[in-house]
Amino acid sequence: MLFSINSGLLEACVLALLSTEDSYGYKLTQDVKDVMSISESTLYPVLKRLQTAGFLKTYDMPIDGRNRKYYRITSAGKRQQQLYFEEWASYKALIERIFKGAQHK
């Protein structure tokens, strides 16, 4: 991908993924990797930041004799995700307007 990913966009993607179902760090990394190039070491600080901000809660679930930490979006996280969605729609429209205008010159 030619465009860089900033932390706000990554936070928005994580919240969007968690708005449909709870998940754990490794699976979230794989889901995000489907659309952008990131490493697990990139994602975990984002999860911690979202948790500290009150947008995510965690819980443990035993899997094969070990506990796995799951992330769940909070109501504040859902509101933040909606703000990110609205901001993305506006940003996308502006960029598309520039790109389309450049094609007509």
PDB file of N, CA and C in Angstrom:
ATOM      1  N   MET A   1       0.848  -1.181   0.000  1.00  0.00           N
ATOM      2  CA  MET A   1       0.000   0.000   0.000  1.00  0.00           C
ATOM      3  C   MET A   1       0.890   1.240   0.000  1.00  0.00           C
ATOM      4  N   LEU A   2       0.544   2.193  -0.815  1.00  0.00           N
ATOM      5  CA  LEU A   2       1.332   3.411  -0.937  1.00  0.00           C
ATOM      6  C   LEU A   2       1.058   4.420   0.164  1.00  0.00           C
ATOM      7  N   PHE A   3      -0.113   4.358   0.763  1.00  0.00           N
ATOM      8  CA  PHE A   3      -0.492   5.346   1.769  1.00  0.00           C
ATOM      9  C   PHE A   3      -0.149   4.825   3.157  1.00  0.00           C
ATOM     10  N   SER A   4       0.332   5.715   4.008  1.00  0.00           N
ATOM     11  CA  SER A   4       0.673   5.294   5.369  1.00  0.00           C
ATOM     12  C   SER A   4      -0.586   5.248   6.240  1.00  0.00           C
ATOM     13  N   ILE A   5      -0.518   4.418   7.250  1.00  0.00           N
ATOM     14  CA  ILE A   5      -1.633   4.244   8.171  1.00  0.00           C
ATOM     15  C   ILE A   5      -1.310   5.009   9.452  1.00  0.00           C
ATOM     16  N   ASN A   6      -2.182   5.919   9.841  1.00  0.00           N
ATOM     17  CA  ASN A   6      -1.939   6.624  11.096  1.00  0.00           C
ATOM     18  C   ASN A   6      -2.706   5.947  12.232  1.00  0.00           C
ATOM     19  N   SER A   7      -2.388   6.330  13.455  1.00  0.00           N
ATOM     20  CA  SER A   7      -2.990   5.660  14.610  1.00  0.00           C
ATOM     21  C   SER A   7      -4.504   5.873  14.679  1.00  0.00           C
ATOM     22  N   GLY A   8      -4.983   7.027  14.253  1.00  0.00           N
ATOM     23  CA  GLY A   8      -6.430   7.270  14.265  1.00  0.00           C
ATOM     24  C   GLY A   8      -7.175   6.324  13.346  1.00  0.00           C
ATOM     25  N   LEU A   9      -6.624   6.082  12.168  1.00  0.00           N
ATOM     26  CA  LEU A   9      -7.262   5.170  11.229  1.00  0.00           C
ATOM     27  C   LEU A   9      -7.227   3.740  11.765  1.00  0.00           C
ATOM     28  N   LEU A  10      -6.127   3.373  12.385  1.00  0.00           N
ATOM     29  CA  LEU A  10      -6.020   2.038  12.957  1.00  0.00           C
ATOM     30  C   LEU A  10      -7.003   1.873  14.117  1.00  0.00           C
ATOM     31  N   GLU A  11      -7.134   2.887  14.961  1.00  0.00           N
ATOM     32  CA  GLU A  11      -8.119   2.839  16.046  1.00  0.00           C
ATOM     33  C   GLU A  11      -9.527   2.682  15.485  1.00  0.00           C
ATOM     34  N   ALA A  12      -9.836   3.425  14.426  1.00  0.00           N
ATOM     35  CA  ALA A  12     -11.160   3.336  13.811  1.00  0.00           C
ATOM     36  C   ALA A  12     -11.423   1.933  13.280  1.00  0.00           C
ATOM     37  N   CYS A  13     -10.417   1.328  12.668  1.00  0.00           N
ATOM     38  CA  CYS A  13     -10.575  -0.036  12.134  1.00  0.00           C
ATOM     39  C   CYS A  13     -10.805  -1.043  13.252  1.00  0.00           C
ATOM     40  N   VAL A  14     -10.052  -0.921  14.330  1.00  0.00           N
ATOM     41  CA  VAL A  14     -10.210  -1.837  15.467  1.00  0.00           C
ATOM     42  C   VAL A  14     -11.606  -1.704  16.061  1.00  0.00           C
ATOM     43  N   LEU A  15     -12.056  -0.478  16.274  1.00  0.00           N
ATOM     44  CA  LEU A  15     -13.395  -0.282  16.836  1.00  0.00           C
ATOM     45  C   LEU A  15     -14.469  -0.826  15.890  1.00  0.00           C
ATOM     46  N   ALA A  16     -14.281  -0.645  14.591  1.00  0.00           N
ATOM     47  CA  ALA A  16     -15.259  -1.170  13.629  1.00  0.00           C
ATOM     48  C   ALA A  16     -15.312  -2.695  13.692  1.00  0.00           C
ATOM     49  N   LEU A  17     -14.151  -3.340  13.771  1.00  0.00           N
ATOM     50  CA  LEU A  17     -14.131  -4.803  13.867  1.00  0.00           C
ATOM     51  C   LEU A  17     -14.806  -5.276  15.149  1.00  0.00           C
ATOM     52  N   LEU A  18     -14.534  -4.587  16.253  1.00  0.00           N
ATOM     53  CA  LEU A  18     -15.099  -5.008  17.534  1.00  0.00           C
ATOM     54  C   LEU A  18     -16.565  -4.622  17.682  1.00  0.00           C
ATOM     55  N   SER A  19     -17.071  -3.778  16.795  1.00  0.00           N
ATOM     56  CA  SER A  19     -18.492  -3.417  16.881  1.00  0.00           C
ATOM     57  C   SER A  19     -19.384  -4.576  16.454  1.00  0.00           C
ATOM     58  N   THR A  20     -18.826  -5.553  15.740  1.00  0.00           N
ATOM     59  CA  THR A  20     -19.625  -6.690  15.299  1.00  0.00           C
ATOM     60  C   THR A  20     -19.455  -7.910  16.191  1.00  0.00           C
ATOM     61  N   GLU A  21     -18.271  -8.071  16.810  1.00  0.00           N
ATOM     62  CA  GLU A  21     -18.048  -9.196  17.721  1.00  0.00           C
ATOM     63  C   GLU A  21     -16.797  -8.964  18.555  1.00  0.00           C
ATOM     64  N   ASP A  22     -16.780  -9.542  19.749  1.00  0.00           N
ATOM     65  CA  ASP A  22     -15.597  -9.501  20.593  1.00  0.00           C
ATOM     66  C   ASP A  22     -14.496 -10.298  19.915  1.00  0.00           C
ATOM     67  N   SER A  23     -13.259  -9.950  20.199  1.00  0.00           N
ATOM     68  CA  SER A  23     -12.152 -10.662  19.588  1.00  0.00           C
ATOM     69  C   SER A  23     -10.916 -10.552  20.469  1.00  0.00           C
ATOM     70  N   TYR A  24      -9.877 -11.291  20.092  1.00  0.00           N
ATOM     71  CA  TYR A  24      -8.609 -11.266  20.822  1.00  0.00           C
ATOM     72  C   TYR A  24      -7.522 -10.690  19.910  1.00  0.00           C
ATOM     73  N   GLY A  25      -6.415 -10.304  20.515  1.00  0.00           N
ATOM     74  CA  GLY A  25      -5.372  -9.558  19.816  1.00  0.00           C
ATOM     75  C   GLY A  25      -4.873 -10.184  18.538  1.00  0.00           C
ATOM     76  N   TYR A  26      -4.521 -11.456  18.569  1.00  0.00           N
ATOM     77  CA  TYR A  26      -3.976 -12.095  17.371  1.00  0.00           C
ATOM     78  C   TYR A  26      -4.996 -12.090  16.231  1.00  0.00           C
ATOM     79  N   LYS A  27      -6.244 -12.415  16.534  1.00  0.00           N
ATOM     80  CA  LYS A  27      -7.281 -12.431  15.489  1.00  0.00           C
ATOM     81  C   LYS A  27      -7.518 -11.024  14.942  1.00  0.00           C
ATOM     82  N   LEU A  28      -7.526 -10.027  15.821  1.00  0.00           N
ATOM     83  CA  LEU A  28      -7.683  -8.648  15.359  1.00  0.00           C
ATOM     84  C   LEU A  28      -6.547  -8.268  14.408  1.00  0.00           C
ATOM     85  N   THR A  29      -5.329  -8.666  14.774  1.00  0.00           N
ATOM     86  CA  THR A  29      -4.186  -8.377  13.908  1.00  0.00           C
ATOM     87  C   THR A  29      -4.384  -9.007  12.536  1.00  0.00           C
ATOM     88  N   GLN A  30      -4.807 -10.254  12.508  1.00  0.00           N
ATOM     89  CA  GLN A  30      -5.024 -10.944  11.228  1.00  0.00           C
ATOM     90  C   GLN A  30      -6.143 -10.279  10.426  1.00  0.00           C
ATOM     91  N   ASP A  31      -7.207  -9.871  11.099  1.00  0.00           N
ATOM     92  CA  ASP A  31      -8.320  -9.213  10.407  1.00  0.00           C
ATOM     93  C   ASP A  31      -7.880  -7.874   9.807  1.00  0.00           C
ATOM     94  N   VAL A  32      -7.086  -7.118  10.550  1.00  0.00           N
ATOM     95  CA  VAL A  32      -6.597  -5.834  10.042  1.00  0.00           C
ATOM     96  C   VAL A  32      -5.593  -6.067   8.912  1.00  0.00           C
ATOM     97  N   LYS A  33      -4.762  -7.100   9.061  1.00  0.00           N
ATOM     98  CA  LYS A  33      -3.774  -7.414   8.017  1.00  0.00           C
ATOM     99  C   LYS A  33      -4.434  -7.754   6.683  1.00  0.00           C
ATOM    100  N   ASP A  34      -5.689  -8.170   6.709  1.00  0.00           N
ATOM    101  CA  ASP A  34      -6.404  -8.456   5.466  1.00  0.00           C
ATOM    102  C   ASP A  34      -6.518  -7.218   4.578  1.00  0.00           C
ATOM    103  N   VAL A  35      -6.462  -6.034   5.195  1.00  0.00           N
ATOM    104  CA  VAL A  35      -6.628  -4.807   4.416  1.00  0.00           C
ATOM    105  C   VAL A  35      -5.452  -3.835   4.490  1.00  0.00           C
ATOM    106  N   MET A  36      -4.573  -4.005   5.476  1.00  0.00           N
ATOM    107  CA  MET A  36      -3.404  -3.124   5.579  1.00  0.00           C
ATOM    108  C   MET A  36      -2.256  -3.862   6.243  1.00  0.00           C
ATOM    109  N   SER A  37      -1.072  -3.411   5.990  1.00  0.00           N
ATOM    110  CA  SER A  37       0.118  -4.075   6.517  1.00  0.00           C
ATOM    111  C   SER A  37       0.460  -3.543   7.909  1.00  0.00           C
ATOM    112  N   ILE A  38       0.238  -4.381   8.919  1.00  0.00           N
ATOM    113  CA  ILE A  38       0.612  -4.026  10.293  1.00  0.00           C
ATOM    114  C   ILE A  38       1.209  -5.261  10.958  1.00  0.00           C
ATOM    115  N   SER A  39       1.873  -5.037  12.074  1.00  0.00           N
ATOM    116  CA  SER A  39       2.391  -6.153  12.868  1.00  0.00           C
ATOM    117  C   SER A  39       1.643  -6.189  14.199  1.00  0.00           C
ATOM    118  N   GLU A  40       1.769  -7.323  14.883  1.00  0.00           N
ATOM    119  CA  GLU A  40       1.137  -7.428  16.195  1.00  0.00           C
ATOM    120  C   GLU A  40       1.683  -6.369  17.141  1.00  0.00           C
ATOM    121  N   SER A  41       2.972  -6.077  17.022  1.00  0.00           N
ATOM    122  CA  SER A  41       3.573  -5.081  17.912  1.00  0.00           C
ATOM    123  C   SER A  41       2.995  -3.684  17.655  1.00  0.00           C
ATOM    124  N   THR A  42       2.423  -3.469  16.490  1.00  0.00           N
ATOM    125  CA  THR A  42       1.764  -2.198  16.188  1.00  0.00           C
ATOM    126  C   THR A  42       0.378  -2.150  16.818  1.00  0.00           C
ATOM    127  N   LEU A  43      -0.314  -3.268  16.814  1.00  0.00           N
ATOM    128  CA  LEU A  43      -1.708  -3.283  17.249  1.00  0.00           C
ATOM    129  C   LEU A  43      -1.870  -3.227  18.768  1.00  0.00           C
ATOM    130  N   TYR A  44      -1.020  -3.905  19.517  1.00  0.00           N
ATOM    131  CA  TYR A  44      -1.232  -3.969  20.966  1.00  0.00           C
ATOM    132  C   TYR A  44      -1.190  -2.606  21.664  1.00  0.00           C
ATOM    133  N   PRO A  45      -0.303  -1.686  21.295  1.00  0.00           N
ATOM    134  CA  PRO A  45      -0.389  -0.341  21.902  1.00  0.00           C
ATOM    135  C   PRO A  45      -1.702   0.377  21.576  1.00  0.00           C
ATOM    136  N   VAL A  46      -2.244   0.129  20.389  1.00  0.00           N
ATOM    137  CA  VAL A  46      -3.533   0.721  20.007  1.00  0.00           C
ATOM    138  C   VAL A  46      -4.638   0.164  20.898  1.00  0.00           C
ATOM    139  N   LEU A  47      -4.625  -1.145  21.110  1.00  0.00           N
ATOM    140  CA  LEU A  47      -5.624  -1.765  21.995  1.00  0.00           C
ATOM    141  C   LEU A  47      -5.516  -1.197  23.405  1.00  0.00           C
ATOM    142  N   LYS A  48      -4.304  -1.028  23.900  1.00  0.00           N
ATOM    143  CA  LYS A  48      -4.095  -0.481  25.248  1.00  0.00           C
ATOM    144  C   LYS A  48      -4.614   0.956  25.327  1.00  0.00           C
ATOM    145  N   ARG A  49      -4.317   1.755  24.292  1.00  0.00           N
ATOM    146  CA  ARG A  49      -4.785   3.145  24.263  1.00  0.00           C
ATOM    147  C   ARG A  49      -6.308   3.208  24.267  1.00  0.00           C
ATOM    148  N   LEU A  50      -6.947   2.354  23.457  1.00  0.00           N
ATOM    149  CA  LEU A  50      -8.412   2.335  23.400  1.00  0.00           C
ATOM    150  C   LEU A  50      -9.013   1.883  24.726  1.00  0.00           C
ATOM    151  N   GLN A  51      -8.341   0.946  25.379  1.00  0.00           N
ATOM    152  CA  GLN A  51      -8.806   0.476  26.686  1.00  0.00           C
ATOM    153  C   GLN A  51      -8.657   1.576  27.734  1.00  0.00           C
ATOM    154  N   THR A  52      -7.532   2.254  27.747  1.00  0.00           N
ATOM    155  CA  THR A  52      -7.289   3.342  28.698  1.00  0.00           C
ATOM    156  C   THR A  52      -8.296   4.474  28.509  1.00  0.00           C
ATOM    157  N   ALA A  53      -8.681   4.719  27.272  1.00  0.00           N
ATOM    158  CA  ALA A  53      -9.660   5.778  26.968  1.00  0.00           C
ATOM    159  C   ALA A  53     -11.083   5.374  27.328  1.00  0.00           C
ATOM    160  N   GLY A  54     -11.285   4.104  27.689  1.00  0.00           N
ATOM    161  CA  GLY A  54     -12.622   3.643  28.054  1.00  0.00           C
ATOM    162  C   GLY A  54     -13.441   3.145  26.873  1.00  0.00           C
ATOM    163  N   PHE A  55     -12.792   2.971  25.714  1.00  0.00           N
ATOM    164  CA  PHE A  55     -13.503   2.520  24.518  1.00  0.00           C
ATOM    165  C   PHE A  55     -13.567   0.999  24.414  1.00  0.00           C
ATOM    166  N   LEU A  56     -12.704   0.311  25.152  1.00  0.00           N
ATOM    167  CA  LEU A  56     -12.682  -1.149  25.169  1.00  0.00           C
ATOM    168  C   LEU A  56     -12.623  -1.658  26.594  1.00  0.00           C
ATOM    169  N   LYS A  57     -13.192  -2.839  26.810  1.00  0.00           N
ATOM    170  CA  LYS A  57     -13.038  -3.586  28.056  1.00  0.00           C
ATOM    171  C   LYS A  57     -12.462  -4.941  27.684  1.00  0.00           C
ATOM    172  N   THR A  58     -11.830  -5.572  28.640  1.00  0.00           N
ATOM    173  CA  THR A  58     -11.266  -6.898  28.376  1.00  0.00           C
ATOM    174  C   THR A  58     -11.865  -7.919  29.333  1.00  0.00           C
ATOM    175  N   TYR A  59     -11.810  -9.166  28.912  1.00  0.00           N
ATOM    176  CA  TYR A  59     -12.164 -10.282  29.776  1.00  0.00           C
ATOM    177  C   TYR A  59     -11.361 -11.488  29.314  1.00  0.00           C
ATOM    178  N   ASP A  60     -11.141 -12.415  30.214  1.00  0.00           N
ATOM    179  CA  ASP A  60     -10.387 -13.621  29.885  1.00  0.00           C
ATOM    180  C   ASP A  60     -11.339 -14.773  29.615  1.00  0.00           C
ATOM    181  N   MET A  61     -10.934 -15.626  28.672  1.00  0.00           N
ATOM    182  CA  MET A  61     -11.697 -16.831  28.367  1.00  0.00           C
ATOM    183  C   MET A  61     -10.705 -17.988  28.262  1.00  0.00           C
ATOM    184  N   PRO A  62     -10.962 -19.075  28.995  1.00  0.00           N
ATOM    185  CA  PRO A  62     -10.039 -20.213  28.907  1.00  0.00           C
ATOM    186  C   PRO A  62     -10.135 -20.910  27.545  1.00  0.00           C
ATOM    187  N   ILE A  63      -8.977 -21.083  26.916  1.00  0.00           N
ATOM    188  CA  ILE A  63      -8.874 -21.779  25.627  1.00  0.00           C
ATOM    189  C   ILE A  63      -7.706 -22.761  25.741  1.00  0.00           C
ATOM    190  N   ASP A  64      -7.987 -24.045  25.605  1.00  0.00           N
ATOM    191  CA  ASP A  64      -6.945 -25.080  25.670  1.00  0.00           C
ATOM    192  C   ASP A  64      -6.075 -24.953  26.919  1.00  0.00           C
ATOM    193  N   GLY A  65      -6.702 -24.730  28.054  1.00  0.00           N
ATOM    194  CA  GLY A  65      -5.975 -24.670  29.316  1.00  0.00           C
ATOM    195  C   GLY A  65      -5.274 -23.358  29.602  1.00  0.00           C
ATOM    196  N   ARG A  66      -5.404 -22.379  28.712  1.00  0.00           N
ATOM    197  CA  ARG A  66      -4.789 -21.064  28.922  1.00  0.00           C
ATOM    198  C   ARG A  66      -5.871 -19.995  28.812  1.00  0.00           C
ATOM    199  N   ASN A  67      -5.633 -18.882  29.465  1.00  0.00           N
ATOM    200  CA  ASN A  67      -6.571 -17.766  29.350  1.00  0.00           C
ATOM    201  C   ASN A  67      -6.209 -16.917  28.141  1.00  0.00           C
ATOM    202  N   ARG A  68      -7.218 -16.555  27.383  1.00  0.00           N
ATOM    203  CA  ARG A  68      -7.033 -15.660  26.241  1.00  0.00           C
ATOM    204  C   ARG A  68      -7.783 -14.371  26.554  1.00  0.00           C
ATOM    205  N   LYS A  69      -7.108 -13.230  26.362  1.00  0.00           N
ATOM    206  CA  LYS A  69      -7.717 -11.923  26.617  1.00  0.00           C
ATOM    207  C   LYS A  69      -8.557 -11.506  25.414  1.00  0.00           C
ATOM    208  N   TYR A  70      -9.831 -11.263  25.676  1.00  0.00           N
ATOM    209  CA  TYR A  70     -10.751 -10.788  24.647  1.00  0.00           C
ATOM    210  C   TYR A  70     -11.037  -9.310  24.865  1.00  0.00           C
ATOM    211  N   TYR A  71     -11.296  -8.625  23.770  1.00  0.00           N
ATOM    212  CA  TYR A  71     -11.633  -7.204  23.796  1.00  0.00           C
ATOM    213  C   TYR A  71     -13.085  -7.035  23.384  1.00  0.00           C
ATOM    214  N   ARG A  72     -13.778  -6.142  24.107  1.00  0.00           N
ATOM    215  CA  ARG A  72     -15.188  -5.833  23.826  1.00  0.00           C
ATOM    216  C   ARG A  72     -15.323  -4.314  23.756  1.00  0.00           C
ATOM    217  N   ILE A  73     -16.037  -3.837  22.758  1.00  0.00           N
ATOM    218  CA  ILE A  73     -16.259  -2.402  22.626  1.00  0.00           C
ATOM    219  C   ILE A  73     -17.276  -1.956  23.678  1.00  0.00           C
ATOM    220  N   THR A  74     -17.070  -0.792  24.261  1.00  0.00           N
ATOM    221  CA  THR A  74     -17.992  -0.225  25.249  1.00  0.00           C
ATOM    222  C   THR A  74     -18.963   0.724  24.540  1.00  0.00           C
ATOM    223  N   SER A  75     -19.932   1.223  25.280  1.00  0.00           N
ATOM    224  CA  SER A  75     -20.858   2.190  24.678  1.00  0.00           C
ATOM    225  C   SER A  75     -20.104   3.463  24.273  1.00  0.00           C
ATOM    226  N   ALA A  76     -19.109   3.869  25.073  1.00  0.00           N
ATOM    227  CA  ALA A  76     -18.280   5.023  24.689  1.00  0.00           C
ATOM    228  C   ALA A  76     -17.490   4.703  23.423  1.00  0.00           C
ATOM    229  N   GLY A  77     -17.029   3.472  23.298  1.00  0.00           N
ATOM    230  CA  GLY A  77     -16.324   3.041  22.099  1.00  0.00           C
ATOM    231  C   GLY A  77     -17.210   3.065  20.877  1.00  0.00           C
ATOM    232  N   LYS A  78     -18.477   2.694  21.050  1.00  0.00           N
ATOM    233  CA  LYS A  78     -19.423   2.736  19.926  1.00  0.00           C
ATOM    234  C   LYS A  78     -19.658   4.173  19.473  1.00  0.00           C
ATOM    235  N   ARG A  79     -19.741   5.094  20.434  1.00  0.00           N
ATOM    236  CA  ARG A  79     -19.893   6.510  20.072  1.00  0.00           C
ATOM    237  C   ARG A  79     -18.645   7.005  19.336  1.00  0.00           C
ATOM    238  N   GLN A  80     -17.467   6.612  19.820  1.00  0.00           N
ATOM    239  CA  GLN A  80     -16.216   7.007  19.173  1.00  0.00           C
ATOM    240  C   GLN A  80     -16.123   6.411  17.775  1.00  0.00           C
ATOM    241  N   GLN A  81     -16.544   5.173  17.631  1.00  0.00           N
ATOM    242  CA  GLN A  81     -16.528   4.527  16.330  1.00  0.00           C
ATOM    243  C   GLN A  81     -17.429   5.278  15.351  1.00  0.00           C
ATOM    244  N   GLN A  82     -18.573   5.746  15.804  1.00  0.00           N
ATOM    245  CA  GLN A  82     -19.479   6.525  14.958  1.00  0.00           C
ATOM    246  C   GLN A  82     -18.821   7.845  14.546  1.00  0.00           C
ATOM    247  N   LEU A  83     -18.109   8.491  15.480  1.00  0.00           N
ATOM    248  CA  LEU A  83     -17.394   9.731  15.142  1.00  0.00           C
ATOM    249  C   LEU A  83     -16.322   9.462  14.092  1.00  0.00           C
ATOM    250  N   TYR A  84     -15.575   8.370  14.286  1.00  0.00           N
ATOM    251  CA  TYR A  84     -14.560   8.001  13.293  1.00  0.00           C
ATOM    252  C   TYR A  84     -15.208   7.755  11.929  1.00  0.00           C
ATOM    253  N   PHE A  85     -16.340   7.062  11.919  1.00  0.00           N
ATOM    254  CA  PHE A  85     -17.034   6.761  10.671  1.00  0.00           C
ATOM    255  C   PHE A  85     -17.443   8.054   9.962  1.00  0.00           C
ATOM    256  N   GLU A  86     -18.007   8.990  10.710  1.00  0.00           N
ATOM    257  CA  GLU A  86     -18.438  10.257  10.121  1.00  0.00           C
ATOM    258  C   GLU A  86     -17.238  11.049   9.598  1.00  0.00           C
ATOM    259  N   GLU A  87     -16.158  11.066  10.371  1.00  0.00           N
ATOM    260  CA  GLU A  87     -14.945  11.777   9.959  1.00  0.00           C
ATOM    261  C   GLU A  87     -14.355  11.132   8.701  1.00  0.00           C
ATOM    262  N   TRP A  88     -14.344   9.790   8.660  1.00  0.00           N
ATOM    263  CA  TRP A  88     -13.821   9.090   7.493  1.00  0.00           C
ATOM    264  C   TRP A  88     -14.653   9.408   6.248  1.00  0.00           C
ATOM    265  N   ALA A  89     -15.971   9.410   6.383  1.00  0.00           N
ATOM    266  CA  ALA A  89     -16.842   9.702   5.238  1.00  0.00           C
ATOM    267  C   ALA A  89     -16.549  11.095   4.690  1.00  0.00           C
ATOM    268  N   SER A  90     -16.365  12.060   5.575  1.00  0.00           N
ATOM    269  CA  SER A  90     -16.073  13.422   5.158  1.00  0.00           C
ATOM    270  C   SER A  90     -14.694  13.506   4.489  1.00  0.00           C
ATOM    271  N   TYR A  91     -13.708  12.883   5.096  1.00  0.00           N
ATOM    272  CA  TYR A  91     -12.345  12.883   4.568  1.00  0.00           C
ATOM    273  C   TYR A  91     -12.296  12.204   3.194  1.00  0.00           C
ATOM    274  N   LYS A  92     -12.959  11.071   3.095  1.00  0.00           N
ATOM    275  CA  LYS A  92     -12.998  10.298   1.843  1.00  0.00           C
ATOM    276  C   LYS A  92     -13.631  11.130   0.730  1.00  0.00           C
ATOM    277  N   ALA A  93     -14.718  11.824   1.044  1.00  0.00           N
ATOM    278  CA  ALA A  93     -15.395  12.651   0.045  1.00  0.00           C
ATOM    279  C   ALA A  93     -14.473  13.777  -0.441  1.00  0.00           C
ATOM    280  N   LEU A  94     -13.733  14.392   0.462  1.00  0.00           N
ATOM    281  CA  LEU A  94     -12.810  15.463   0.073  1.00  0.00           C
ATOM    282  C   LEU A  94     -11.693  14.939  -0.830  1.00  0.00           C
ATOM    283  N   ILE A  95     -11.111  13.806  -0.472  1.00  0.00           N
ATOM    284  CA  ILE A  95     -10.028  13.225  -1.267  1.00  0.00           C
ATOM    285  C   ILE A  95     -10.553  12.800  -2.641  1.00  0.00           C
ATOM    286  N   GLU A  96     -11.733  12.185  -2.673  1.00  0.00           N
ATOM    287  CA  GLU A  96     -12.308  11.782  -3.959  1.00  0.00           C
ATOM    288  C   GLU A  96     -12.580  12.995  -4.851  1.00  0.00           C
ATOM    289  N   ARG A  97     -12.997  14.096  -4.246  1.00  0.00           N
ATOM    290  CA  ARG A  97     -13.250  15.313  -5.020  1.00  0.00           C
ATOM    291  C   ARG A  97     -11.946  15.812  -5.655  1.00  0.00           C
ATOM    292  N   ILE A  98     -10.867  15.753  -4.880  1.00  0.00           N
ATOM    293  CA  ILE A  98      -9.568  16.170  -5.416  1.00  0.00           C
ATOM    294  C   ILE A  98      -9.129  15.229  -6.532  1.00  0.00           C
ATOM    295  N   PHE A  99      -9.225  13.919  -6.277  1.00  0.00           N
ATOM    296  CA  PHE A  99      -8.808  12.939  -7.284  1.00  0.00           C
ATOM    297  C   PHE A  99      -9.632  13.075  -8.566  1.00  0.00           C
ATOM    298  N   LYS A 100     -10.918  13.226  -8.446  1.00  0.00           N
ATOM    299  CA  LYS A 100     -11.792  13.345  -9.619  1.00  0.00           C
ATOM    300  C   LYS A 100     -11.515  14.643 -10.364  1.00  0.00           C
ATOM    301  N   GLY A 101     -11.254  15.704  -9.617  1.00  0.00           N
ATOM    302  CA  GLY A 101     -10.922  16.978 -10.258  1.00  0.00           C
ATOM    303  C   GLY A 101      -9.609  16.908 -11.011  1.00  0.00           C
ATOM    304  N   ALA A 102      -8.663  16.172 -10.478  1.00  0.00           N
ATOM    305  CA  ALA A 102      -7.362  16.015 -11.132  1.00  0.00           C
ATOM    306  C   ALA A 102      -7.482  15.206 -12.413  1.00  0.00           C
ATOM    307  N   GLN A 103      -8.465  14.300 -12.476  1.00  0.00           N
ATOM    308  CA  GLN A 103      -8.655  13.480 -13.679  1.00  0.00           C
ATOM    309  C   GLN A 103      -9.234  14.294 -14.837  1.00  0.00           C
ATOM    310  N   HIS A 104      -9.953  15.367 -14.504  1.00  0.00           N
ATOM    311  CA  HIS A 104     -10.626  16.153 -15.554  1.00  0.00           C
ATOM    312  C   HIS A 104      -9.757  17.273 -16.108  1.00  0.00           C
ATOM    313  N   LYS A 105      -8.565  17.418 -15.607  1.00  0.00           N
ATOM    314  CA  LYS A 105      -7.699  18.521 -16.086  1.00  0.00           C
ATOM    315  C   LYS A 105      -6.895  18.093 -17.277  1.00  0.00           C
TER     316      LYS A 105
END
